[in-house]
C-alpha atoms as a PDB file:
ATOM      1  CA  UNK A   1      18.734  72.289 -63.583  1.00  0.00           C
ATOM      2  CA  UNK A   2      17.363  75.277 -65.482  1.00  0.00           C
ATOM      3  CA  UNK A   3      13.630  74.995 -66.062  1.00  0.00           C
ATOM      4  CA  UNK A   4      12.313  75.136 -69.623  1.00  0.00           C
ATOM      5  CA  UNK A   5       8.871  76.507 -70.459  1.00  0.00           C
ATOM      6  CA  UNK A   6       6.500  74.881 -72.942  1.00  0.00           C
ATOM      7  CA  UNK A   7       5.640  77.289 -75.750  1.00  0.00           C
ATOM      8  CA  UNK A   8       3.107  75.043 -77.488  1.00  0.00           C
ATOM      9  CA  UNK A   9      -0.347  76.375 -76.551  1.00  0.00           C
ATOM     10  CA  UNK A  10      -2.090  73.326 -78.009  1.00  0.00           C
ATOM     11  CA  UNK A  11      -0.008  71.067 -75.802  1.00  0.00           C
ATOM     12  CA  UNK A  12      -0.659  73.164 -72.707  1.00  0.00           C
ATOM     13  CA  UNK A  13      -4.389  73.158 -73.413  1.00  0.00           C
ATOM     14  CA  UNK A  14      -4.383  69.386 -73.857  1.00  0.00           C
ATOM     15  CA  UNK A  15      -2.441  69.067 -70.598  1.00  0.00           C
ATOM     16  CA  UNK A  16      -5.093  71.150 -68.805  1.00  0.00           C
ATOM     17  CA  UNK A  17      -7.833  68.807 -70.031  1.00  0.00           C
ATOM     18  CA  UNK A  18      -5.947  65.650 -69.062  1.00  0.00           C
ATOM     19  CA  UNK A  19      -5.032  67.072 -65.652  1.00  0.00           C
ATOM     20  CA  UNK A  20      -8.714  67.625 -64.868  1.00  0.00           C
ATOM     21  CA  UNK A  21      -9.460  63.989 -65.631  1.00  0.00           C
ATOM     22  CA  UNK A  22     -10.584  64.505 -69.207  1.00  0.00           C
ATOM     23  CA  UNK A  23      -9.453  62.641 -72.305  1.00  0.00           C
ATOM     24  CA  UNK A  24      -5.722  62.146 -72.775  1.00  0.00           C
ATOM     25  CA  UNK A  25      -6.067  61.567 -76.520  1.00  0.00           C
ATOM     26  CA  UNK A  26      -5.147  65.099 -77.574  1.00  0.00           C
ATOM     27  CA  UNK A  27      -2.253  65.305 -75.104  1.00  0.00           C
ATOM     28  CA  UNK A  28      -0.813  62.018 -76.304  1.00  0.00           C
ATOM     29  CA  UNK A  29      -1.253  63.026 -79.926  1.00  0.00           C
ATOM     30  CA  UNK A  30       0.560  66.340 -79.415  1.00  0.00           C
ATOM     31  CA  UNK A  31       3.396  64.641 -77.556  1.00  0.00           C
ATOM     32  CA  UNK A  32       3.835  61.908 -80.143  1.00  0.00           C
ATOM     33  CA  UNK A  33       3.827  64.422 -82.992  1.00  0.00           C
ATOM     34  CA  UNK A  34       6.667  66.369 -81.372  1.00  0.00           C
ATOM     35  CA  UNK A  35       8.504  63.332 -79.968  1.00  0.00           C
ATOM     36  CA  UNK A  36      11.117  63.032 -82.715  1.00  0.00           C
ATOM     37  CA  UNK A  37      10.313  59.316 -82.888  1.00  0.00           C
ATOM     38  CA  UNK A  38      10.792  57.028 -84.597  1.00  0.00           C
ATOM     39  CA  UNK A  39      14.319  58.307 -84.963  1.00  0.00           C
ATOM     40  CA  UNK A  40      17.730  58.195 -83.361  1.00  0.00           C
ATOM     41  CA  UNK A  41      16.905  60.769 -80.692  1.00  0.00           C
ATOM     42  CA  UNK A  42      13.785  61.483 -78.738  1.00  0.00           C
ATOM     43  CA  UNK A  43      12.861  65.101 -78.048  1.00  0.00           C
ATOM     44  CA  UNK A  44      14.320  65.110 -74.530  1.00  0.00           C
ATOM     45  CA  UNK A  45      14.077  68.922 -74.355  1.00  0.00           C
ATOM     46  CA  UNK A  46      10.298  68.731 -74.712  1.00  0.00           C
ATOM     47  CA  UNK A  47      10.081  65.857 -72.212  1.00  0.00           C
ATOM     48  CA  UNK A  48      12.074  67.884 -69.667  1.00  0.00           C
ATOM     49  CA  UNK A  49       9.946  70.976 -70.322  1.00  0.00           C
ATOM     50  CA  UNK A  50       6.820  68.914 -69.662  1.00  0.00           C
ATOM     51  CA  UNK A  51       8.411  67.539 -66.487  1.00  0.00           C
ATOM     52  CA  UNK A  52       9.143  71.086 -65.296  1.00  0.00           C
ATOM     53  CA  UNK A  53       5.540  72.094 -66.015  1.00  0.00           C
ATOM     54  CA  UNK A  54       4.272  69.119 -64.019  1.00  0.00           C
ATOM     55  CA  UNK A  55       6.545  70.062 -61.111  1.00  0.00           C
ATOM     56  CA  UNK A  56       5.136  73.605 -61.150  1.00  0.00           C
ATOM     57  CA  UNK A  57       1.562  72.322 -61.103  1.00  0.00           C
ATOM     58  CA  UNK A  58       2.340  69.942 -58.268  1.00  0.00           C
ATOM     59  CA  UNK A  59       0.060  67.303 -56.769  1.00  0.00           C
ATOM     60  CA  UNK A  60      -2.845  67.692 -59.260  1.00  0.00           C
ATOM     61  CA  UNK A  61      -0.516  66.170 -61.896  1.00  0.00           C
ATOM     62  CA  UNK A  62       0.323  62.997 -59.978  1.00  0.00           C
ATOM     63  CA  UNK A  63      -2.546  60.825 -61.180  1.00  0.00           C
ATOM     64  CA  UNK A  64      -1.873  61.674 -64.823  1.00  0.00           C
ATOM     65  CA  UNK A  65       1.882  61.113 -64.474  1.00  0.00           C
ATOM     66  CA  UNK A  66       1.296  57.728 -62.834  1.00  0.00           C
ATOM     67  CA  UNK A  67      -1.012  56.746 -65.674  1.00  0.00           C
ATOM     68  CA  UNK A  68       1.504  57.819 -68.320  1.00  0.00           C
ATOM     69  CA  UNK A  69       4.504  56.171 -66.651  1.00  0.00           C
ATOM     70  CA  UNK A  70       2.609  52.924 -66.133  1.00  0.00           C
ATOM     71  CA  UNK A  71       1.669  52.328 -69.776  1.00  0.00           C
ATOM     72  CA  UNK A  72       3.074  48.944 -70.765  1.00  0.00           C
ATOM     73  CA  UNK A  73       5.241  48.044 -73.744  1.00  0.00           C
ATOM     74  CA  UNK A  74       2.312  46.055 -75.146  1.00  0.00           C
ATOM     75  CA  UNK A  75       0.133  49.170 -75.210  1.00  0.00           C
ATOM     76  CA  UNK A  76       2.826  51.558 -76.401  1.00  0.00           C
ATOM     77  CA  UNK A  77       5.785  49.654 -77.874  1.00  0.00           C
ATOM     78  CA  UNK A  78       9.341  50.897 -78.065  1.00  0.00           C
ATOM     79  CA  UNK A  79      10.805  52.246 -81.276  1.00  0.00           C
ATOM     80  CA  UNK A  80       7.649  54.220 -81.990  1.00  0.00           C
ATOM     81  CA  UNK A  81       6.335  57.697 -81.093  1.00  0.00           C
ATOM     82  CA  UNK A  82       4.184  56.027 -78.427  1.00  0.00           C
ATOM     83  CA  UNK A  83       7.287  55.285 -76.346  1.00  0.00           C
ATOM     84  CA  UNK A  84       7.506  59.016 -75.665  1.00  0.00           C
ATOM     85  CA  UNK A  85       4.389  58.939 -73.456  1.00  0.00           C
ATOM     86  CA  UNK A  86       5.726  56.689 -70.653  1.00  0.00           C
ATOM     87  CA  UNK A  87       9.082  58.407 -70.999  1.00  0.00           C
ATOM     88  CA  UNK A  88       7.409  61.745 -70.189  1.00  0.00           C
ATOM     89  CA  UNK A  89       5.566  60.172 -67.275  1.00  0.00           C
ATOM     90  CA  UNK A  90       8.795  58.897 -65.735  1.00  0.00           C
ATOM     91  CA  UNK A  91      10.572  62.233 -66.195  1.00  0.00           C
ATOM     92  CA  UNK A  92       7.564  64.011 -64.734  1.00  0.00           C
ATOM     93  CA  UNK A  93       7.804  61.948 -61.573  1.00  0.00           C
ATOM     94  CA  UNK A  94      11.524  62.680 -61.361  1.00  0.00           C
ATOM     95  CA  UNK A  95      10.766  66.402 -61.458  1.00  0.00           C
ATOM     96  CA  UNK A  96       7.986  66.049 -58.901  1.00  0.00           C
ATOM     97  CA  UNK A  97      10.246  64.163 -56.502  1.00  0.00           C
ATOM     98  CA  UNK A  98      13.033  66.701 -56.908  1.00  0.00           C
ATOM     99  CA  UNK A  99      10.733  69.641 -56.191  1.00  0.00           C
ATOM    100  CA  UNK A 100       8.545  68.155 -53.433  1.00  0.00           C
ATOM    101  CA  UNK A 101      10.134  66.094 -50.612  1.00  0.00           C
ATOM    102  CA  UNK A 102       6.689  64.775 -49.621  1.00  0.00           C
ATOM    103  CA  UNK A 103       6.369  62.674 -52.781  1.00  0.00           C
ATOM    104  CA  UNK A 104       9.957  61.435 -53.105  1.00  0.00           C
ATOM    105  CA  UNK A 105       9.169  58.002 -51.705  1.00  0.00           C
ATOM    106  CA  UNK A 106       6.338  57.616 -54.189  1.00  0.00           C
ATOM    107  CA  UNK A 107       8.533  58.886 -57.024  1.00  0.00           C
ATOM    108  CA  UNK A 108      11.325  56.435 -56.199  1.00  0.00           C
ATOM    109  CA  UNK A 109       8.870  53.545 -56.049  1.00  0.00           C
ATOM    110  CA  UNK A 110       7.585  54.369 -59.505  1.00  0.00           C
ATOM    111  CA  UNK A 111      11.103  54.858 -60.881  1.00  0.00           C
ATOM    112  CA  UNK A 112      12.112  51.479 -59.463  1.00  0.00           C
ATOM    113  CA  UNK A 113       9.228  49.849 -61.305  1.00  0.00           C
ATOM    114  CA  UNK A 114      10.286  51.490 -64.574  1.00  0.00           C
ATOM    115  CA  UNK A 115      13.996  50.743 -64.197  1.00  0.00           C
ATOM    116  CA  UNK A 116      13.830  47.382 -65.985  1.00  0.00           C
ATOM    117  CA  UNK A 117      11.303  48.407 -68.622  1.00  0.00           C
ATOM    118  CA  UNK A 118      11.726  46.654 -71.961  1.00  0.00           C
ATOM    119  CA  UNK A 119      11.957  50.058 -73.719  1.00  0.00           C
ATOM    120  CA  UNK A 120      15.434  51.539 -73.414  1.00  0.00           C
ATOM    121  CA  UNK A 121      14.234  55.156 -73.681  1.00  0.00           C
ATOM    122  CA  UNK A 122      12.030  54.608 -70.642  1.00  0.00           C
ATOM    123  CA  UNK A 123      15.065  53.255 -68.788  1.00  0.00           C
ATOM    124  CA  UNK A 124      17.039  56.315 -69.894  1.00  0.00           C
ATOM    125  CA  UNK A 125      14.277  58.480 -68.440  1.00  0.00           C
ATOM    126  CA  UNK A 126      14.793  56.671 -65.121  1.00  0.00           C
ATOM    127  CA  UNK A 127      18.495  57.610 -65.215  1.00  0.00           C
ATOM    128  CA  UNK A 128      17.685  61.249 -65.976  1.00  0.00           C
ATOM    129  CA  UNK A 129      15.158  61.289 -63.135  1.00  0.00           C
ATOM    130  CA  UNK A 130      17.680  59.829 -60.675  1.00  0.00           C
ATOM    131  CA  UNK A 131      20.156  62.518 -61.712  1.00  0.00           C
ATOM    132  CA  UNK A 132      17.568  65.205 -61.053  1.00  0.00           C
ATOM    133  CA  UNK A 133      16.729  63.727 -57.662  1.00  0.00           C
ATOM    134  CA  UNK A 134      20.389  63.206 -56.798  1.00  0.00           C
ATOM    135  CA  UNK A 135      21.163  66.842 -57.511  1.00  0.00           C
ATOM    136  CA  UNK A 136      18.948  67.826 -54.563  1.00  0.00           C
ATOM    137  CA  UNK A 137      19.242  64.719 -52.339  1.00  0.00           C
ATOM    138  CA  UNK A 138      22.975  63.989 -52.680  1.00  0.00           C
ATOM    139  CA  UNK A 139      24.119  61.312 -50.225  1.00  0.00           C
ATOM    140  CA  UNK A 140      20.528  60.733 -49.161  1.00  0.00           C
ATOM    141  CA  UNK A 141      19.687  59.231 -52.536  1.00  0.00           C
ATOM    142  CA  UNK A 142      22.847  57.081 -52.493  1.00  0.00           C
ATOM    143  CA  UNK A 143      21.418  55.480 -49.347  1.00  0.00           C
ATOM    144  CA  UNK A 144      17.897  55.231 -50.755  1.00  0.00           C
ATOM    145  CA  UNK A 145      18.981  53.268 -53.830  1.00  0.00           C
ATOM    146  CA  UNK A 146      20.705  50.526 -51.852  1.00  0.00           C
ATOM    147  CA  UNK A 147      17.621  48.375 -52.452  1.00  0.00           C
ATOM    148  CA  UNK A 148      18.079  48.830 -56.216  1.00  0.00           C
ATOM    149  CA  UNK A 149      21.352  46.907 -56.255  1.00  0.00           C
ATOM    150  CA  UNK A 150      19.764  43.466 -56.563  1.00  0.00           C
ATOM    151  CA  UNK A 151      18.774  43.814 -60.225  1.00  0.00           C
ATOM    152  CA  UNK A 152      20.986  44.233 -63.294  1.00  0.00           C
ATOM    153  CA  UNK A 153      19.133  47.102 -64.966  1.00  0.00           C
ATOM    154  CA  UNK A 154      18.367  48.729 -61.615  1.00  0.00           C
ATOM    155  CA  UNK A 155      22.018  48.686 -60.544  1.00  0.00           C
ATOM    156  CA  UNK A 156      23.159  49.858 -63.976  1.00  0.00           C
ATOM    157  CA  UNK A 157      20.761  52.806 -63.789  1.00  0.00           C
ATOM    158  CA  UNK A 158      22.099  53.769 -60.366  1.00  0.00           C
ATOM    159  CA  UNK A 159      25.770  53.689 -61.417  1.00  0.00           C
ATOM    160  CA  UNK A 160      25.058  55.554 -64.655  1.00  0.00           C
ATOM    161  CA  UNK A 161      23.063  58.264 -62.881  1.00  0.00           C
ATOM    162  CA  UNK A 162      25.602  58.560 -60.053  1.00  0.00           C
ATOM    163  CA  UNK A 163      28.316  59.076 -62.671  1.00  0.00           C
ATOM    164  CA  UNK A 164      26.610  62.268 -63.817  1.00  0.00           C
ATOM    165  CA  UNK A 165      28.291  65.319 -62.235  1.00  0.00           C
ATOM    166  CA  UNK A 166      24.945  66.821 -61.228  1.00  0.00           C
ATOM    167  CA  UNK A 167      24.501  64.014 -58.674  1.00  0.00           C
ATOM    168  CA  UNK A 168      28.118  62.913 -58.194  1.00  0.00           C
ATOM    169  CA  UNK A 169      29.281  66.372 -57.141  1.00  0.00           C
ATOM    170  CA  UNK A 170      26.607  66.482 -54.433  1.00  0.00           C
ATOM    171  CA  UNK A 171      27.922  63.317 -52.747  1.00  0.00           C
ATOM    172  CA  UNK A 172      30.321  63.452 -49.794  1.00  0.00           C
ATOM    173  CA  UNK A 173      30.108  59.972 -48.241  1.00  0.00           C
ATOM    174  CA  UNK A 174      32.703  57.998 -50.195  1.00  0.00           C
ATOM    175  CA  UNK A 175      31.965  54.808 -48.241  1.00  0.00           C
ATOM    176  CA  UNK A 176      28.371  54.703 -49.466  1.00  0.00           C
ATOM    177  CA  UNK A 177      29.362  55.372 -53.076  1.00  0.00           C
ATOM    178  CA  UNK A 178      31.903  52.533 -52.911  1.00  0.00           C
ATOM    179  CA  UNK A 179      29.263  50.321 -51.277  1.00  0.00           C
ATOM    180  CA  UNK A 180      26.981  50.725 -54.308  1.00  0.00           C
ATOM    181  CA  UNK A 181      29.924  49.894 -56.588  1.00  0.00           C
ATOM    182  CA  UNK A 182      30.742  46.843 -54.477  1.00  0.00           C
ATOM    183  CA  UNK A 183      27.154  45.602 -54.586  1.00  0.00           C
ATOM    184  CA  UNK A 184      27.044  45.983 -58.363  1.00  0.00           C
ATOM    185  CA  UNK A 185      30.265  43.989 -58.748  1.00  0.00           C
ATOM    186  CA  UNK A 186      28.930  41.237 -56.484  1.00  0.00           C
ATOM    187  CA  UNK A 187      25.831  41.021 -58.662  1.00  0.00           C
ATOM    188  CA  UNK A 188      28.069  40.276 -61.648  1.00  0.00           C
ATOM    189  CA  UNK A 189      30.255  37.935 -59.630  1.00  0.00           C
ATOM    190  CA  UNK A 190      27.369  35.706 -58.564  1.00  0.00           C
ATOM    191  CA  UNK A 191      25.412  35.839 -61.824  1.00  0.00           C
ATOM    192  CA  UNK A 192      24.232  32.531 -63.239  1.00  0.00           C
ATOM    193  CA  UNK A 193      25.094  31.474 -66.775  1.00  0.00           C
ATOM    194  CA  UNK A 194      21.526  32.038 -67.907  1.00  0.00           C
ATOM    195  CA  UNK A 195      21.421  35.572 -66.479  1.00  0.00           C
ATOM    196  CA  UNK A 196      24.599  36.456 -68.386  1.00  0.00           C
ATOM    197  CA  UNK A 197      22.519  36.394 -71.559  1.00  0.00           C
ATOM    198  CA  UNK A 198      20.154  38.994 -70.126  1.00  0.00           C
ATOM    199  CA  UNK A 199      20.599  42.533 -71.595  1.00  0.00           C
ATOM    200  CA  UNK A 200      20.727  43.952 -68.101  1.00  0.00           C
ATOM    201  CA  UNK A 201      23.917  41.995 -67.396  1.00  0.00           C
ATOM    202  CA  UNK A 202      25.698  43.751 -70.258  1.00  0.00           C
ATOM    203  CA  UNK A 203      24.275  47.116 -69.204  1.00  0.00           C
ATOM    204  CA  UNK A 204      25.673  46.658 -65.699  1.00  0.00           C
ATOM    205  CA  UNK A 205      29.072  45.554 -67.007  1.00  0.00           C
ATOM    206  CA  UNK A 206      29.216  48.666 -69.195  1.00  0.00           C
ATOM    207  CA  UNK A 207      28.460  50.815 -66.147  1.00  0.00           C
ATOM    208  CA  UNK A 208      31.196  49.078 -64.139  1.00  0.00           C
ATOM    209  CA  UNK A 209      33.701  49.879 -66.887  1.00  0.00           C
ATOM    210  CA  UNK A 210      33.004  53.617 -66.831  1.00  0.00           C
ATOM    211  CA  UNK A 211      31.722  54.556 -63.359  1.00  0.00           C
ATOM    212  CA  UNK A 212      34.834  53.906 -61.201  1.00  0.00           C
ATOM    213  CA  UNK A 213      37.023  56.530 -62.878  1.00  0.00           C
ATOM    214  CA  UNK A 214      34.284  59.126 -62.460  1.00  0.00           C
ATOM    215  CA  UNK A 215      33.706  58.138 -58.835  1.00  0.00           C
ATOM    216  CA  UNK A 216      37.454  58.277 -58.178  1.00  0.00           C
ATOM    217  CA  UNK A 217      37.620  61.815 -59.571  1.00  0.00           C
ATOM    218  CA  UNK A 218      35.274  62.809 -56.752  1.00  0.00           C
ATOM    219  CA  UNK A 219      36.181  60.446 -53.902  1.00  0.00           C
ATOM    220  CA  UNK A 220      39.797  59.469 -54.550  1.00  0.00           C
ATOM    221  CA  UNK A 221      41.739  56.229 -54.330  1.00  0.00           C
ATOM    222  CA  UNK A 222      39.275  54.429 -52.046  1.00  0.00           C
ATOM    223  CA  UNK A 223      37.211  53.779 -55.171  1.00  0.00           C
ATOM    224  CA  UNK A 224      40.150  52.112 -56.911  1.00  0.00           C
ATOM    225  CA  UNK A 225      40.663  49.842 -53.910  1.00  0.00           C
ATOM    226  CA  UNK A 226      37.316  48.310 -54.789  1.00  0.00           C
ATOM    227  CA  UNK A 227      38.353  47.967 -58.443  1.00  0.00           C
ATOM    228  CA  UNK A 228      41.578  46.281 -57.291  1.00  0.00           C
ATOM    229  CA  UNK A 229      39.467  43.707 -55.442  1.00  0.00           C
ATOM    230  CA  UNK A 230      37.805  42.663 -58.695  1.00  0.00           C
ATOM    231  CA  UNK A 231      41.072  41.322 -60.094  1.00  0.00           C
ATOM    232  CA  UNK A 232      41.273  38.587 -57.444  1.00  0.00           C
ATOM    233  CA  UNK A 233      37.712  37.251 -57.688  1.00  0.00           C
ATOM    234  CA  UNK A 234      38.333  34.803 -60.515  1.00  0.00           C
ATOM    235  CA  UNK A 235      35.654  36.434 -62.650  1.00  0.00           C
ATOM    236  CA  UNK A 236      36.745  37.165 -66.213  1.00  0.00           C
ATOM    237  CA  UNK A 237      34.168  39.898 -66.817  1.00  0.00           C
ATOM    238  CA  UNK A 238      35.085  41.779 -63.641  1.00  0.00           C
ATOM    239  CA  UNK A 239      38.789  41.391 -64.403  1.00  0.00           C
ATOM    240  CA  UNK A 240      38.252  42.940 -67.830  1.00  0.00           C
ATOM    241  CA  UNK A 241      36.076  45.649 -66.282  1.00  0.00           C
ATOM    242  CA  UNK A 242      38.903  46.544 -63.904  1.00  0.00           C
ATOM    243  CA  UNK A 243      41.155  47.090 -66.916  1.00  0.00           C
ATOM    244  CA  UNK A 244      38.661  49.370 -68.636  1.00  0.00           C
ATOM    245  CA  UNK A 245      37.933  51.254 -65.405  1.00  0.00           C
ATOM    246  CA  UNK A 246      41.482  52.610 -65.153  1.00  0.00           C
ATOM    247  CA  UNK A 247      42.293  52.989 -68.840  1.00  0.00           C
ATOM    248  CA  UNK A 248      41.627  56.712 -69.229  1.00  0.00           C
ATOM    249  CA  UNK A 249      44.466  59.216 -69.196  1.00  0.00           C
ATOM    250  CA  UNK A 250      43.253  61.295 -66.228  1.00  0.00           C
ATOM    251  CA  UNK A 251      42.896  58.303 -63.917  1.00  0.00           C
ATOM    252  CA  UNK A 252      46.326  56.921 -64.850  1.00  0.00           C
ATOM    253  CA  UNK A 253      47.879  60.353 -64.335  1.00  0.00           C
ATOM    254  CA  UNK A 254      46.263  61.054 -60.978  1.00  0.00           C
ATOM    255  CA  UNK A 255      46.356  57.562 -59.474  1.00  0.00           C
ATOM    256  CA  UNK A 256      49.438  56.123 -61.166  1.00  0.00           C
ATOM    257  CA  UNK A 257      50.561  53.817 -58.344  1.00  0.00           C
ATOM    258  CA  UNK A 258      47.069  52.441 -57.737  1.00  0.00           C
ATOM    259  CA  UNK A 259      46.562  51.826 -61.447  1.00  0.00           C
ATOM    260  CA  UNK A 260      49.882  49.963 -61.656  1.00  0.00           C
ATOM    261  CA  UNK A 261      48.852  47.745 -58.746  1.00  0.00           C
ATOM    262  CA  UNK A 262      45.530  46.971 -60.418  1.00  0.00           C
ATOM    263  CA  UNK A 263      47.253  46.111 -63.685  1.00  0.00           C
ATOM    264  CA  UNK A 264      49.841  43.958 -61.884  1.00  0.00           C
ATOM    265  CA  UNK A 265      47.172  42.070 -59.974  1.00  0.00           C
ATOM    266  CA  UNK A 266      45.123  41.640 -63.129  1.00  0.00           C
ATOM    267  CA  UNK A 267      48.073  40.217 -65.057  1.00  0.00           C
ATOM    268  CA  UNK A 268      48.860  37.805 -62.241  1.00  0.00           C
ATOM    269  CA  UNK A 269      45.264  36.570 -62.233  1.00  0.00           C
ATOM    270  CA  UNK A 270      45.191  35.764 -65.948  1.00  0.00           C
ATOM    271  CA  UNK A 271      45.554  31.971 -66.346  1.00  0.00           C
ATOM    272  CA  UNK A 272      48.565  30.700 -68.264  1.00  0.00           C
ATOM    273  CA  UNK A 273      47.359  29.327 -71.608  1.00  0.00           C
ATOM    274  CA  UNK A 274      47.697  25.598 -71.977  1.00  0.00           C
ATOM    275  CA  UNK A 275      49.589  24.431 -75.038  1.00  0.00           C
ATOM    276  CA  UNK A 276      50.839  20.863 -75.087  1.00  0.00           C
ATOM    277  CA  UNK A 277      53.372  21.644 -77.793  1.00  0.00           C
ATOM    278  CA  UNK A 278      55.169  24.180 -75.599  1.00  0.00           C
ATOM    279  CA  UNK A 279      55.055  22.498 -72.197  1.00  0.00           C
ATOM    280  CA  UNK A 280      58.309  20.603 -71.544  1.00  0.00           C
ATOM    281  CA  UNK A 281      56.976  17.774 -69.379  1.00  0.00           C
ATOM    282  CA  UNK A 282      57.419  13.979 -69.574  1.00  0.00           C
ATOM    283  CA  UNK A 283      54.784  12.182 -71.598  1.00  0.00           C
ATOM    284  CA  UNK A 284      53.178   8.930 -70.647  1.00  0.00           C
ATOM    285  CA  UNK A 285      55.152   5.956 -71.916  1.00  0.00           C
ATOM    286  CA  UNK A 286      53.203   3.516 -73.974  1.00  0.00           C
ATOM    287  CA  UNK A 287      53.847  -0.214 -74.144  1.00  0.00           C
ATOM    288  CA  UNK A 288      55.081  -1.994 -77.238  1.00  0.00           C
ATOM    289  CA  UNK A 289      52.483  -2.457 -79.896  1.00  0.00           C
ATOM    290  CA  UNK A 290      51.378  -6.029 -80.066  1.00  0.00           C
END
């Protein structure tokens, strides 16, 4: 990832003060002013530039980044310029972990804590940070995030980040990639009715619809073998996800036979609709009316 320099002298000066343990008020004010929020898009370019600056400064930034990333939704709610502050903290830790192997464990712990944040832009920052880490860790990060696959948002973040070519193209162990996909599907399979109403459930389903085709483009048909398995689990959501996962033109062109098998298995698993008017079976005889 190409580093971007911050050109705002006021922001850099405020960062110097906050780094030394001084007031963060000016730093937060400068960041919120340039955040692009409230709006449809946050100023991700600025957030990445700040992350790069934090990576260059190294360890002296860690305390400030931890403070920023740990600000709760009650203190700085989503949908406002304040959301930009924890977003920058999370991205900063992603950059620190990517540039310094000594703090990667700490960075991943913090990212794990932020992965189910109520604010979706903070969760997006987790995905971007995982991509940055994956670009340098490759298969190592695929192994590290195994513990993330027990939570809906956590698993969704992993699949979404692993779908990005910056991380995906640095993976070589197809078995581990498929293992993460398998664990995500099992999370959906065993979900309770109450958890299906949780936003993280939908986020993970969306990831399962899009990730397999991207994984298959890197690791081949072994990925689609896992998707084929979903059709026989008796889970409607996974069956529909298997359909979406192989619906794009490139996947159907490259893996035609595998796609046909998935579609055939899916069709066979769809229950026959019950319609009493169309079923030609004997009806129960009734006695004479008294």
